[in-house]
C-alpha atoms as a PDB file:
ATOM      1  CA  MET A   1     -34.921  14.282 -13.303  1.00  0.00           C
ATOM      2  CA  THR A   2     -35.056  10.090 -14.373  1.00  0.00           C
ATOM      3  CA  ASP A   3     -35.790   6.607 -12.743  1.00  0.00           C
ATOM      4  CA  GLN A   4     -33.555   5.782 -14.826  1.00  0.00           C
ATOM      5  CA  PRO A   5     -29.898   3.954 -13.818  1.00  0.00           C
ATOM      6  CA  PHE A   6     -27.381   5.548 -15.076  1.00  0.00           C
ATOM      7  CA  ARG A   7     -26.316   1.947 -17.902  1.00  0.00           C
ATOM      8  CA  ILE A   8     -22.146   1.233 -18.230  1.00  0.00           C
ATOM      9  CA  VAL A   9     -21.611  -0.969 -21.195  1.00  0.00           C
ATOM     10  CA  PHE A  10     -18.390  -3.298 -21.277  1.00  0.00           C
ATOM     11  CA  ALA A  11     -17.702  -4.089 -25.023  1.00  0.00           C
ATOM     12  CA  VAL A  12     -15.241  -7.220 -24.332  1.00  0.00           C
ATOM     13  CA  PHE A  13     -14.334  -9.726 -26.492  1.00  0.00           C
ATOM     14  CA  GLU A  14     -11.985 -12.849 -26.622  1.00  0.00           C
ATOM     15  CA  GLY A  15      -8.613 -12.563 -26.338  1.00  0.00           C
ATOM     16  CA  MET A  16      -9.145  -9.400 -23.929  1.00  0.00           C
ATOM     17  CA  THR A  17      -7.042  -8.434 -21.240  1.00  0.00           C
ATOM     18  CA  GLN A  18      -8.161  -9.002 -18.491  1.00  0.00           C
ATOM     19  CA  LEU A  19      -7.892  -6.353 -15.951  1.00  0.00           C
ATOM     20  CA  ASP A  20      -8.584  -3.670 -18.861  1.00  0.00           C
ATOM     21  CA  PHE A  21     -11.926  -4.831 -17.813  1.00  0.00           C
ATOM     22  CA  THR A  22     -12.040  -6.102 -14.258  1.00  0.00           C
ATOM     23  CA  GLY A  23     -10.247  -3.197 -13.228  1.00  0.00           C
ATOM     24  CA  PRO A  24     -12.337  -0.234 -14.563  1.00  0.00           C
ATOM     25  CA  HIS A  25     -15.110  -2.922 -13.564  1.00  0.00           C
ATOM     26  CA  GLN A  26     -14.261  -3.538  -9.898  1.00  0.00           C
ATOM     27  CA  PHE A  27     -15.201   0.660  -9.123  1.00  0.00           C
ATOM     28  CA  LEU A  28     -18.132   1.723 -11.773  1.00  0.00           C
ATOM     29  CA  SER A  29     -20.311  -1.494 -11.168  1.00  0.00           C
ATOM     30  CA  ARG A  30     -20.715   0.162  -7.092  1.00  0.00           C
ATOM     31  CA  MET A  31     -21.359   3.277  -8.487  1.00  0.00           C
ATOM     32  CA  PRO A  32     -24.551   4.377  -6.857  1.00  0.00           C
ATOM     33  CA  GLY A  33     -27.910   4.805  -9.956  1.00  0.00           C
ATOM     34  CA  SER A  34     -25.791   2.649 -12.651  1.00  0.00           C
ATOM     35  CA  GLU A  35     -26.481  -0.853 -13.916  1.00  0.00           C
ATOM     36  CA  THR A  36     -23.200  -2.236 -15.535  1.00  0.00           C
ATOM     37  CA  VAL A  37     -24.259  -4.548 -18.648  1.00  0.00           C
ATOM     38  CA  VAL A  38     -21.332  -6.978 -20.373  1.00  0.00           C
ATOM     39  CA  ALA A  39     -21.401  -7.712 -23.379  1.00  0.00           C
ATOM     40  CA  SER A  40     -20.068  -9.021 -26.392  1.00  0.00           C
ATOM     41  CA  ARG A  41     -20.537  -9.732 -30.216  1.00  0.00           C
ATOM     42  CA  ASP A  42     -22.840 -13.189 -30.112  1.00  0.00           C
ATOM     43  CA  GLY A  43     -23.257 -12.914 -26.507  1.00  0.00           C
ATOM     44  CA  GLY A  44     -22.102 -16.248 -23.869  1.00  0.00           C
ATOM     45  CA  ASP A  45     -18.826 -16.895 -23.383  1.00  0.00           C
ATOM     46  CA  VAL A  46     -15.753 -14.845 -23.721  1.00  0.00           C
ATOM     47  CA  PRO A  47     -11.853 -16.215 -23.163  1.00  0.00           C
ATOM     48  CA  ALA A  48     -10.353 -12.883 -22.115  1.00  0.00           C
ATOM     49  CA  ALA A  49      -6.386 -13.780 -21.189  1.00  0.00           C
ATOM     50  CA  GLY A  50      -6.060 -16.355 -18.167  1.00  0.00           C
ATOM     51  CA  LEU A  51     -10.071 -15.656 -17.643  1.00  0.00           C
ATOM     52  CA  ILE A  52     -13.610 -16.903 -18.977  1.00  0.00           C
ATOM     53  CA  PHE A  53     -16.069 -14.331 -18.611  1.00  0.00           C
ATOM     54  CA  GLY A  54     -19.475 -16.209 -18.937  1.00  0.00           C
ATOM     55  CA  GLY A  55     -23.316 -16.030 -19.987  1.00  0.00           C
ATOM     56  CA  THR A  56     -22.204 -11.988 -21.273  1.00  0.00           C
ATOM     57  CA  ASN A  57     -25.522 -10.168 -23.776  1.00  0.00           C
ATOM     58  CA  ARG A  58     -25.367  -9.677 -26.556  1.00  0.00           C
ATOM     59  CA  LEU A  59     -25.073  -6.423 -28.331  1.00  0.00           C
ATOM     60  CA  ALA A  60     -26.899  -5.765 -30.118  1.00  0.00           C
ATOM     61  CA  ASP A  61     -29.475  -6.442 -28.307  1.00  0.00           C
ATOM     62  CA  ILE A  62     -28.492  -3.217 -26.081  1.00  0.00           C
ATOM     63  CA  ALA A  63     -30.674  -0.199 -27.169  1.00  0.00           C
ATOM     64  CA  ALA A  64     -28.314   2.154 -25.349  1.00  0.00           C
ATOM     65  CA  CYS A  65     -26.070   3.200 -23.099  1.00  0.00           C
ATOM     66  CA  ASP A  66     -25.173   6.574 -20.816  1.00  0.00           C
ATOM     67  CA  LEU A  67     -20.928   5.106 -20.567  1.00  0.00           C
ATOM     68  CA  LEU A  68     -19.445   3.249 -23.128  1.00  0.00           C
ATOM     69  CA  CYS A  69     -16.571   1.450 -22.219  1.00  0.00           C
ATOM     70  CA  VAL A  70     -14.038  -1.237 -24.762  1.00  0.00           C
ATOM     71  CA  PRO A  71     -11.195  -3.216 -23.432  1.00  0.00           C
ATOM     72  CA  GLY A  72      -7.779  -3.547 -25.199  1.00  0.00           C
ATOM     73  CA  GLY A  73      -5.557  -6.690 -25.423  1.00  0.00           C
ATOM     74  CA  PHE A  74      -3.715  -7.930 -28.455  1.00  0.00           C
ATOM     75  CA  PRO A  75      -5.966  -8.594 -30.187  1.00  0.00           C
ATOM     76  CA  ALA A  76      -6.704  -5.244 -29.926  1.00  0.00           C
ATOM     77  CA  THR A  77      -5.813  -4.366 -33.344  1.00  0.00           C
ATOM     78  CA  LYS A  78      -8.004  -7.424 -35.386  1.00  0.00           C
ATOM     79  CA  MET A  79     -11.014  -6.481 -33.580  1.00  0.00           C
ATOM     80  CA  GLY A  80     -10.774  -3.173 -35.831  1.00  0.00           C
ATOM     81  CA  LEU A  81     -12.032  -5.700 -39.368  1.00  0.00           C
ATOM     82  CA  ASP A  82     -14.611  -7.271 -37.216  1.00  0.00           C
ATOM     83  CA  ARG A  83     -17.726  -5.347 -38.893  1.00  0.00           C
ATOM     84  CA  ALA A  84     -20.289  -6.675 -36.669  1.00  0.00           C
ATOM     85  CA  PHE A  85     -18.017  -5.794 -33.543  1.00  0.00           C
ATOM     86  CA  ILE A  86     -17.487  -2.545 -34.538  1.00  0.00           C
ATOM     87  CA  ALA A  87     -20.781  -1.801 -36.182  1.00  0.00           C
ATOM     88  CA  GLU A  88     -21.707  -2.025 -32.737  1.00  0.00           C
ATOM     89  CA  VAL A  89     -19.659   0.184 -30.465  1.00  0.00           C
ATOM     90  CA  ARG A  90     -20.103   2.589 -32.800  1.00  0.00           C
ATOM     91  CA  ARG A  91     -23.381   2.251 -33.050  1.00  0.00           C
ATOM     92  CA  LEU A  92     -23.564   2.863 -28.316  1.00  0.00           C
ATOM     93  CA  GLY A  93     -20.606   4.853 -29.205  1.00  0.00           C
ATOM     94  CA  LEU A  94     -22.173   7.997 -31.150  1.00  0.00           C
ATOM     95  CA  GLY A  95     -25.319   7.609 -28.744  1.00  0.00           C
ATOM     96  CA  ALA A  96     -23.754   8.120 -25.439  1.00  0.00           C
ATOM     97  CA  ARG A  97     -23.053  10.271 -22.669  1.00  0.00           C
ATOM     98  CA  TYR A  98     -19.369   9.253 -22.396  1.00  0.00           C
ATOM     99  CA  ILE A  99     -16.714   7.102 -25.101  1.00  0.00           C
ATOM    100  CA  THR A 100     -14.118   5.221 -23.690  1.00  0.00           C
ATOM    101  CA  SER A 101     -11.382   2.662 -23.545  1.00  0.00           C
ATOM    102  CA  VAL A 102      -8.929   1.284 -21.254  1.00  0.00           C
ATOM    103  CA  CYS A 103      -4.723   0.603 -23.029  1.00  0.00           C
ATOM    104  CA  ASN A 104      -5.457  -0.176 -26.969  1.00  0.00           C
ATOM    105  CA  GLY A 105      -9.136  -0.478 -26.125  1.00  0.00           C
ATOM    106  CA  SER A 106      -8.752   3.055 -27.611  1.00  0.00           C
ATOM    107  CA  LEU A 107      -7.894   1.540 -31.513  1.00  0.00           C
ATOM    108  CA  ILE A 108     -11.045  -0.184 -31.127  1.00  0.00           C
ATOM    109  CA  LEU A 109     -13.573   2.808 -30.524  1.00  0.00           C
ATOM    110  CA  ALA A 110     -10.913   4.249 -33.350  1.00  0.00           C
ATOM    111  CA  ALA A 111     -11.518   2.051 -35.431  1.00  0.00           C
ATOM    112  CA  ALA A 112     -15.022   2.331 -34.733  1.00  0.00           C
ATOM    113  CA  GLY A 113     -14.280   6.266 -36.148  1.00  0.00           C
ATOM    114  CA  LEU A 114     -15.384   7.636 -32.675  1.00  0.00           C
ATOM    115  CA  LEU A 115     -12.177   9.366 -32.121  1.00  0.00           C
ATOM    116  CA  GLN A 116     -11.205  10.953 -34.855  1.00  0.00           C
ATOM    117  CA  GLY A 117      -9.737  14.040 -34.306  1.00  0.00           C
ATOM    118  CA  LYS A 118      -9.440  13.746 -30.962  1.00  0.00           C
ATOM    119  CA  ARG A 119      -6.702  12.914 -28.263  1.00  0.00           C
ATOM    120  CA  ALA A 120      -6.517   9.506 -26.729  1.00  0.00           C
ATOM    121  CA  ALA A 121      -4.920   7.495 -23.969  1.00  0.00           C
ATOM    122  CA  CYS A 122      -2.717   4.276 -25.341  1.00  0.00           C
ATOM    123  CA  HIS A 123      -0.952   1.560 -23.655  1.00  0.00           C
ATOM    124  CA  TRP A 124       3.061   2.863 -24.933  1.00  0.00           C
ATOM    125  CA  GLY A 125       4.017   0.348 -27.361  1.00  0.00           C
ATOM    126  CA  TRP A 126       0.158   0.391 -29.632  1.00  0.00           C
ATOM    127  CA  ARG A 127       0.448   4.823 -29.032  1.00  0.00           C
ATOM    128  CA  HIS A 128       1.515   5.467 -32.414  1.00  0.00           C
ATOM    129  CA  LEU A 129      -1.046   3.602 -34.830  1.00  0.00           C
ATOM    130  CA  LEU A 130      -3.558   5.660 -33.082  1.00  0.00           C
ATOM    131  CA  PRO A 131      -2.928   8.450 -35.783  1.00  0.00           C
ATOM    132  CA  LEU A 132      -3.544   5.955 -38.819  1.00  0.00           C
ATOM    133  CA  TYR A 133      -7.347   6.588 -37.831  1.00  0.00           C
ATOM    134  CA  GLY A 134      -7.457  10.269 -36.981  1.00  0.00           C
ATOM    135  CA  ALA A 135      -7.160  10.458 -33.206  1.00  0.00           C
ATOM    136  CA  THR A 136      -4.166  12.246 -31.763  1.00  0.00           C
ATOM    137  CA  PRO A 137      -2.075  10.147 -29.595  1.00  0.00           C
ATOM    138  CA  ASP A 138      -1.322  11.907 -26.231  1.00  0.00           C
ATOM    139  CA  PRO A 139       0.911   9.746 -23.461  1.00  0.00           C
ATOM    140  CA  GLY A 140      -1.435  11.191 -20.737  1.00  0.00           C
ATOM    141  CA  ARG A 141      -2.447   8.322 -17.570  1.00  0.00           C
ATOM    142  CA  VAL A 142      -6.189   8.501 -18.344  1.00  0.00           C
ATOM    143  CA  VAL A 143      -7.230  11.385 -21.561  1.00  0.00           C
ATOM    144  CA  ARG A 144      -9.808  13.676 -21.601  1.00  0.00           C
ATOM    145  CA  ASP A 145     -10.868  15.336 -24.710  1.00  0.00           C
ATOM    146  CA  GLY A 146     -14.883  15.650 -25.077  1.00  0.00           C
ATOM    147  CA  ASN A 147     -17.152  13.128 -23.769  1.00  0.00           C
ATOM    148  CA  VAL A 148     -14.036  11.109 -24.486  1.00  0.00           C
ATOM    149  CA  ILE A 149     -12.279   9.624 -21.871  1.00  0.00           C
ATOM    150  CA  THR A 150      -9.337   6.914 -22.962  1.00  0.00           C
ATOM    151  CA  GLY A 151      -6.619   5.300 -20.242  1.00  0.00           C
ATOM    152  CA  GLY A 152      -3.444   3.562 -20.608  1.00  0.00           C
ATOM    153  CA  GLY A 153      -1.644   0.900 -20.403  1.00  0.00           C
ATOM    154  CA  VAL A 154      -3.536  -1.993 -18.163  1.00  0.00           C
ATOM    155  CA  THR A 155      -3.457  -0.481 -14.752  1.00  0.00           C
ATOM    156  CA  ALA A 156      -4.679   2.497 -15.617  1.00  0.00           C
ATOM    157  CA  GLY A 157      -7.667   1.525 -15.643  1.00  0.00           C
ATOM    158  CA  ILE A 158      -8.265   2.045 -12.112  1.00  0.00           C
ATOM    159  CA  ASP A 159      -7.167   6.207 -12.206  1.00  0.00           C
ATOM    160  CA  PHE A 160      -9.514   5.641 -15.118  1.00  0.00           C
ATOM    161  CA  ALA A 161     -12.254   4.837 -13.314  1.00  0.00           C
ATOM    162  CA  LEU A 162     -12.365   7.282 -10.148  1.00  0.00           C
ATOM    163  CA  THR A 163     -11.731  10.059 -13.688  1.00  0.00           C
ATOM    164  CA  VAL A 164     -15.227   9.176 -14.538  1.00  0.00           C
ATOM    165  CA  LEU A 165     -16.679   8.432 -10.811  1.00  0.00           C
ATOM    166  CA  ALA A 166     -15.739  11.651  -9.389  1.00  0.00           C
ATOM    167  CA  GLU A 167     -16.770  13.303 -13.449  1.00  0.00           C
ATOM    168  CA  ILE A 168     -20.149  11.358 -12.724  1.00  0.00           C
ATOM    169  CA  GLY A 169     -20.462  11.121  -8.654  1.00  0.00           C
ATOM    170  CA  GLY A 170     -18.655  13.383  -7.576  1.00  0.00           C
ATOM    171  CA  PRO A 171     -14.952  13.734  -6.045  1.00  0.00           C
ATOM    172  CA  GLU A 172     -16.648  12.547  -2.901  1.00  0.00           C
ATOM    173  CA  LEU A 173     -17.816   9.199  -4.243  1.00  0.00           C
ATOM    174  CA  ALA A 174     -14.203   8.859  -6.077  1.00  0.00           C
ATOM    175  CA  GLN A 175     -13.015   8.964  -3.091  1.00  0.00           C
ATOM    176  CA  SER A 176     -14.865   7.002  -0.818  1.00  0.00           C
ATOM    177  CA  MET A 177     -14.479   4.307  -3.629  1.00  0.00           C
ATOM    178  CA  GLN A 178     -10.915   4.772  -3.534  1.00  0.00           C
ATOM    179  CA  LEU A 179     -10.315   4.369   0.010  1.00  0.00           C
ATOM    180  CA  GLY A 180     -13.004   1.019   0.859  1.00  0.00           C
ATOM    181  CA  LEU A 181     -11.031  -0.723  -2.325  1.00  0.00           C
ATOM    182  CA  GLU A 182      -7.659   0.764  -0.835  1.00  0.00           C
ATOM    183  CA  TYR A 183      -6.397   2.119  -4.454  1.00  0.00           C
ATOM    184  CA  ALA A 184      -2.809   3.361  -3.018  1.00  0.00           C
ATOM    185  CA  PRO A 185      -0.824   2.161  -5.082  1.00  0.00           C
ATOM    186  CA  ALA A 186       3.515   2.180  -3.990  1.00  0.00           C
ATOM    187  CA  PRO A 187       4.899  -0.869  -6.591  1.00  0.00           C
ATOM    188  CA  PRO A 188       7.844  -2.273  -5.792  1.00  0.00           C
ATOM    189  CA  PHE A 189       9.573  -0.690  -9.038  1.00  0.00           C
ATOM    190  CA  ASN A 190       9.586   1.544 -10.990  1.00  0.00           C
ATOM    191  CA  ALA A 191       9.485   0.533 -13.972  1.00  0.00           C
ATOM    192  CA  GLY A 192       6.054   1.067 -15.632  1.00  0.00           C
ATOM    193  CA  SER A 193       6.278   2.844 -18.152  1.00  0.00           C
ATOM    194  CA  PRO A 194       9.495   3.606 -20.532  1.00  0.00           C
ATOM    195  CA  ASN A 195      10.368   6.537 -19.486  1.00  0.00           C
ATOM    196  CA  THR A 196      11.211   5.545 -15.563  1.00  0.00           C
ATOM    197  CA  ALA A 197      12.024   1.515 -16.457  1.00  0.00           C
ATOM    198  CA  PRO A 198      15.561   0.191 -16.648  1.00  0.00           C
ATOM    199  CA  PRO A 199      16.953   0.825 -19.865  1.00  0.00           C
ATOM    200  CA  ALA A 200      18.281  -3.260 -20.735  1.00  0.00           C
ATOM    201  CA  ILE A 201      13.875  -4.079 -19.443  1.00  0.00           C
ATOM    202  CA  LEU A 202      12.550  -1.347 -21.949  1.00  0.00           C
ATOM    203  CA  ALA A 203      14.593  -3.072 -24.266  1.00  0.00           C
ATOM    204  CA  ALA A 204      14.402  -6.502 -23.761  1.00  0.00           C
ATOM    205  CA  TYR A 205      10.704  -5.959 -23.594  1.00  0.00           C
ATOM    206  CA  SER A 206      10.538  -3.049 -26.838  1.00  0.00           C
ATOM    207  CA  ALA A 207      12.415  -6.453 -28.913  1.00  0.00           C
ATOM    208  CA  ARG A 208       9.529  -8.793 -27.848  1.00  0.00           C
ATOM    209  CA  LEU A 209       7.424  -5.865 -28.593  1.00  0.00           C
ATOM    210  CA  ALA A 210       8.282  -5.290 -32.688  1.00  0.00           C
ATOM    211  CA  SER A 211       8.725  -8.757 -33.120  1.00  0.00           C
ATOM    212  CA  MET A 212       4.955  -9.057 -32.852  1.00  0.00           C
ATOM    213  CA  MET A 213       4.310  -5.109 -33.575  1.00  0.00           C
ATOM    214  CA  PRO A 214       3.947  -5.571 -38.247  1.00  0.00           C
ATOM    215  CA  ALA A 215       1.245  -7.875 -37.834  1.00  0.00           C
ATOM    216  CA  PHE A 216      -0.547  -5.307 -35.548  1.00  0.00           C
ATOM    217  CA  GLU A 217      -0.430  -2.716 -37.658  1.00  0.00           C
ATOM    218  CA  ALA A 218      -0.727  -4.179 -41.066  1.00  0.00           C
ATOM    219  CA  GLU A 219      -4.621  -5.378 -39.173  1.00  0.00           C
ATOM    220  CA  ALA A 220      -4.057  -2.051 -37.718  1.00  0.00           C
ATOM    221  CA  ARG A 221      -4.525   0.076 -41.682  1.00  0.00           C
ATOM    222  CA  GLU A 222      -6.380  -1.919 -43.044  1.00  0.00           C
ATOM    223  CA  ALA A 223      -9.259  -1.080 -40.664  1.00  0.00           C
ATOM    224  CA  ALA A 224      -8.061   2.411 -40.870  1.00  0.00           C
ATOM    225  CA  THR A 225      -8.348   1.780 -44.336  1.00  0.00           C
ATOM    226  CA  PHE A 226     -11.843   0.400 -43.990  1.00  0.00           C
ATOM    227  CA  LEU A 227     -13.109   3.451 -41.833  1.00  0.00           C
ATOM    228  CA  ALA A 228     -11.958   6.441 -44.423  1.00  0.00           C
ATOM    229  CA  ALA A 229     -14.102   4.360 -46.734  1.00  0.00           C
ATOM    230  CA  THR A 230     -16.990   4.670 -44.910  1.00  0.00           C
END
Protein backbone atom coordinates (compact mmCIF):
# COMPACT_ATOMS: atom_id res chain seq x y z
CA MET A 1 0.00 0.00 0.00
CA THR A 2 1.11 3.57 -0.57
CA ASP A 3 0.05 6.88 0.88
CA GLN A 4 0.81 8.65 -2.39
CA PRO A 5 -2.28 9.88 -4.27
CA PHE A 6 -3.12 8.46 -7.68
CA ARG A 7 -1.77 11.23 -9.91
CA ILE A 8 -3.74 12.20 -13.02
CA VAL A 9 -2.11 14.56 -15.49
CA PHE A 10 -4.00 16.30 -18.27
CA ALA A 11 -1.56 17.48 -20.95
CA VAL A 12 -3.33 20.46 -22.50
CA PHE A 13 -2.45 22.77 -25.36
CA GLU A 14 -3.58 25.96 -27.05
CA GLY A 15 -6.67 25.54 -29.19
CA MET A 16 -7.78 22.23 -27.70
CA THR A 17 -11.49 21.38 -27.65
CA GLN A 18 -12.32 22.30 -24.08
CA LEU A 19 -14.95 19.58 -23.58
CA ASP A 20 -12.34 16.93 -24.46
CA PHE A 21 -10.64 18.13 -21.28
CA THR A 22 -13.40 19.43 -19.02
CA GLY A 23 -15.72 16.43 -19.48
CA PRO A 24 -13.24 13.83 -18.18
CA HIS A 25 -11.78 16.30 -15.68
CA GLN A 26 -15.20 16.76 -14.05
CA PHE A 27 -15.35 13.04 -13.31
CA LEU A 28 -11.75 11.98 -12.78
CA SER A 29 -10.85 14.86 -10.48
CA ARG A 30 -13.45 13.59 -8.02
CA MET A 31 -11.90 10.15 -7.70
CA PRO A 32 -11.07 9.46 -4.02
CA GLY A 33 -7.37 9.28 -3.25
CA SER A 34 -6.39 11.04 -6.44
CA GLU A 35 -4.61 14.23 -7.39
CA THR A 36 -5.34 15.97 -10.69
CA VAL A 37 -2.72 18.14 -12.36
CA VAL A 38 -3.30 20.27 -15.45
CA ALA A 39 -0.12 20.93 -17.37
CA SER A 40 1.03 22.41 -20.66
CA ARG A 41 4.30 22.76 -22.50
CA ASP A 42 5.15 26.19 -21.07
CA GLY A 43 2.81 26.38 -18.09
CA GLY A 44 0.63 29.38 -17.37
CA ASP A 45 -2.53 30.33 -19.23
CA VAL A 46 -3.74 28.12 -22.08
CA PRO A 47 -6.41 29.44 -24.48
CA ALA A 48 -8.78 26.69 -25.57
CA ALA A 49 -11.73 26.80 -27.94
CA GLY A 50 -13.84 29.46 -26.22
CA LEU A 51 -12.19 29.38 -22.79
CA ILE A 52 -8.86 30.21 -21.17
CA PHE A 53 -7.44 27.83 -18.56
CA GLY A 54 -5.16 29.68 -16.19
CA GLY A 55 -2.20 28.69 -14.08
CA THR A 56 -1.34 25.37 -15.69
CA ASN A 57 1.80 23.59 -14.58
CA ARG A 58 4.77 23.03 -16.86
CA LEU A 59 4.94 19.47 -18.17
CA ALA A 60 8.71 19.30 -17.71
CA ASP A 61 8.25 19.99 -13.99
CA ILE A 62 6.10 16.89 -13.47
CA ALA A 63 8.27 13.93 -12.53
CA ALA A 64 5.72 11.19 -13.19
CA CYS A 65 2.04 10.32 -13.18
CA ASP A 66 -0.22 7.31 -12.83
CA LEU A 67 -2.56 8.34 -15.62
CA LEU A 68 -1.81 10.62 -18.55
CA CYS A 69 -4.73 12.06 -20.51
CA VAL A 70 -4.40 14.08 -23.70
CA PRO A 71 -7.43 15.91 -25.11
CA GLY A 72 -7.88 16.69 -28.79
CA GLY A 73 -8.84 19.60 -30.97
CA PHE A 74 -8.22 21.07 -34.40
CA PRO A 75 -4.50 21.67 -33.63
CA ALA A 76 -3.89 18.00 -32.66
CA THR A 77 -1.88 17.17 -35.79
CA LYS A 78 0.07 20.41 -35.42
CA MET A 79 0.89 19.47 -31.83
CA GLY A 80 2.35 16.24 -33.18
CA LEU A 81 5.07 18.44 -34.69
CA ASP A 82 5.81 20.26 -31.44
CA ARG A 83 8.94 18.38 -30.40
CA ALA A 84 9.03 19.75 -26.85
CA PHE A 85 5.39 18.92 -26.17
CA ILE A 86 5.63 15.46 -27.75
CA ALA A 87 8.80 14.65 -25.79
CA GLU A 88 7.05 15.38 -22.49
CA VAL A 89 3.96 13.39 -23.49
CA ARG A 90 6.18 10.45 -24.39
CA ARG A 91 8.20 10.67 -21.17
CA LEU A 92 5.14 10.79 -18.94
CA GLY A 93 3.30 8.17 -20.97
CA LEU A 94 6.13 5.65 -20.80
CA GLY A 95 6.11 5.85 -17.01
CA ALA A 96 2.32 5.92 -16.52
CA ARG A 97 0.10 3.04 -15.49
CA TYR A 98 -2.53 4.28 -17.94
CA ILE A 99 -2.04 6.16 -21.21
CA THR A 100 -5.26 7.83 -22.32
CA SER A 101 -6.79 10.35 -24.67
CA VAL A 102 -10.06 11.81 -25.88
CA CYS A 103 -11.10 12.58 -29.46
CA ASN A 104 -8.15 13.12 -31.81
CA GLY A 105 -5.87 13.45 -28.82
CA SER A 106 -5.03 9.87 -29.75
CA LEU A 107 -3.09 11.31 -32.71
CA ILE A 108 -0.88 13.11 -30.20
CA LEU A 109 -0.28 9.89 -28.28
CA ALA A 110 0.47 8.22 -31.61
CA ALA A 111 2.92 10.95 -32.64
CA ALA A 112 4.68 10.35 -29.32
CA GLY A 113 5.15 6.69 -30.26
CA LEU A 114 2.78 5.46 -27.56
CA LEU A 115 0.24 3.72 -29.82
CA GLN A 116 2.39 1.60 -32.10
CA GLY A 117 0.67 -1.76 -32.52
CA LYS A 118 -2.27 -0.59 -30.40
CA ARG A 119 -5.95 -0.22 -31.17
CA ALA A 120 -7.25 3.26 -30.48
CA ALA A 121 -10.37 5.38 -30.71
CA CYS A 122 -10.48 8.79 -32.35
CA HIS A 123 -13.03 11.27 -33.65
CA TRP A 124 -14.46 9.69 -36.81
CA GLY A 125 -13.19 12.49 -39.03
CA TRP A 126 -9.55 11.93 -38.04
CA ARG A 127 -9.59 8.19 -37.38
CA HIS A 128 -8.05 7.33 -40.76
CA LEU A 129 -4.82 9.07 -39.75
CA LEU A 130 -3.96 6.63 -36.95
CA PRO A 131 -2.33 4.00 -39.22
CA LEU A 132 0.27 6.57 -40.28
CA TYR A 133 1.75 6.12 -36.80
CA GLY A 134 1.42 2.34 -36.64
CA ALA A 135 -1.83 2.38 -34.66
CA THR A 136 -5.05 0.55 -35.53
CA PRO A 137 -8.22 2.67 -35.68
CA ASP A 138 -11.16 1.30 -33.73
CA PRO A 139 -14.66 2.79 -34.11
CA GLY A 140 -15.55 2.10 -30.49
CA ARG A 141 -16.69 4.94 -28.26
CA VAL A 142 -14.18 3.79 -25.65
CA VAL A 143 -11.36 1.45 -26.64
CA ARG A 144 -8.92 -0.38 -24.38
CA ASP A 145 -5.75 -2.09 -25.52
CA GLY A 146 -3.52 -3.05 -22.60
CA ASN A 147 -2.83 0.05 -20.53
CA VAL A 148 -4.04 2.35 -23.32
CA ILE A 149 -7.62 3.63 -22.96
CA THR A 150 -8.89 6.03 -25.60
CA GLY A 151 -12.20 7.79 -26.12
CA GLY A 152 -13.87 8.75 -29.37
CA GLY A 153 -15.01 12.23 -30.33
CA VAL A 154 -15.51 14.95 -27.70
CA THR A 155 -18.57 13.81 -25.71
CA ALA A 156 -17.18 10.27 -25.59
CA GLY A 157 -14.83 11.73 -22.99
CA ILE A 158 -17.50 11.25 -20.33
CA ASP A 159 -18.02 7.59 -21.21
CA PHE A 160 -14.24 7.28 -21.24
CA ALA A 161 -13.96 8.82 -17.78
CA LEU A 162 -16.57 6.46 -16.35
CA THR A 163 -14.72 3.50 -17.87
CA VAL A 164 -11.50 4.67 -16.24
CA LEU A 165 -13.22 5.21 -12.89
CA ALA A 166 -14.63 1.68 -13.00
CA GLU A 167 -11.20 0.30 -13.86
CA ILE A 168 -9.43 2.07 -11.00
CA GLY A 169 -12.07 2.49 -8.31
CA GLY A 170 -14.64 -0.16 -9.23
CA PRO A 171 -18.06 -0.12 -10.93
CA GLU A 172 -19.82 1.16 -7.80
CA LEU A 173 -17.67 4.29 -7.73
CA ALA A 174 -18.27 4.94 -11.42
CA GLN A 175 -22.03 4.46 -11.07
CA SER A 176 -22.17 6.70 -8.00
CA MET A 177 -20.31 9.40 -9.90
CA GLN A 178 -22.62 9.01 -12.87
CA LEU A 179 -25.65 9.38 -10.61
CA GLY A 180 -24.24 12.36 -8.75
CA LEU A 181 -23.50 14.19 -11.98
CA GLU A 182 -26.80 12.99 -13.51
CA TYR A 183 -25.22 11.65 -16.66
CA ALA A 184 -28.26 10.18 -18.37
CA PRO A 185 -27.88 11.20 -22.02
CA ALA A 186 -31.06 11.46 -24.05
CA PRO A 187 -30.14 13.57 -27.08
CA PRO A 188 -32.94 15.30 -28.97
CA PHE A 189 -31.53 14.06 -32.28
CA ASN A 190 -29.96 10.79 -33.36
CA ALA A 191 -27.25 12.57 -35.34
CA GLY A 192 -24.18 11.96 -33.20
CA SER A 193 -22.54 9.41 -35.49
CA PRO A 194 -21.93 9.13 -39.24
CA ASN A 195 -23.97 5.92 -39.05
CA THR A 196 -27.07 7.65 -37.73
CA ALA A 197 -26.90 11.27 -38.91
CA PRO A 198 -29.28 12.30 -41.71
CA PRO A 199 -27.45 12.06 -45.06
CA ALA A 200 -27.70 15.79 -45.77
CA ILE A 201 -26.23 16.67 -42.37
CA LEU A 202 -23.42 14.17 -42.80
CA ALA A 203 -22.64 15.43 -46.30
CA ALA A 204 -22.51 19.07 -45.20
CA TYR A 205 -20.28 18.38 -42.21
CA SER A 206 -18.03 16.05 -44.19
CA ALA A 207 -17.58 18.71 -46.88
CA ARG A 208 -16.52 21.24 -44.27
CA LEU A 209 -14.06 18.77 -42.78
CA ALA A 210 -12.72 17.79 -46.19
CA SER A 211 -11.75 21.40 -46.91
CA MET A 212 -9.44 21.38 -43.87
CA MET A 213 -8.22 17.79 -43.97
CA PRO A 214 -5.32 18.17 -46.46
CA ALA A 215 -3.47 20.41 -44.00
CA PHE A 216 -4.13 18.03 -41.11
CA GLU A 217 -3.01 15.06 -43.18
CA ALA A 218 0.21 16.82 -44.19
CA GLU A 219 1.01 17.57 -40.55
CA ALA A 220 0.23 13.98 -39.56
CA ARG A 221 2.48 12.57 -42.28
CA GLU A 222 5.33 14.86 -41.26
CA ALA A 223 4.98 13.83 -37.60
CA ALA A 224 4.80 10.15 -38.58
CA THR A 225 7.96 10.51 -40.67
CA PHE A 226 9.77 12.05 -37.73
CA LEU A 227 8.54 9.26 -35.45
CA ALA A 228 9.78 6.59 -37.86
CA ALA A 229 13.22 8.22 -37.94
CA THR A 230 13.65 8.28 -34.15
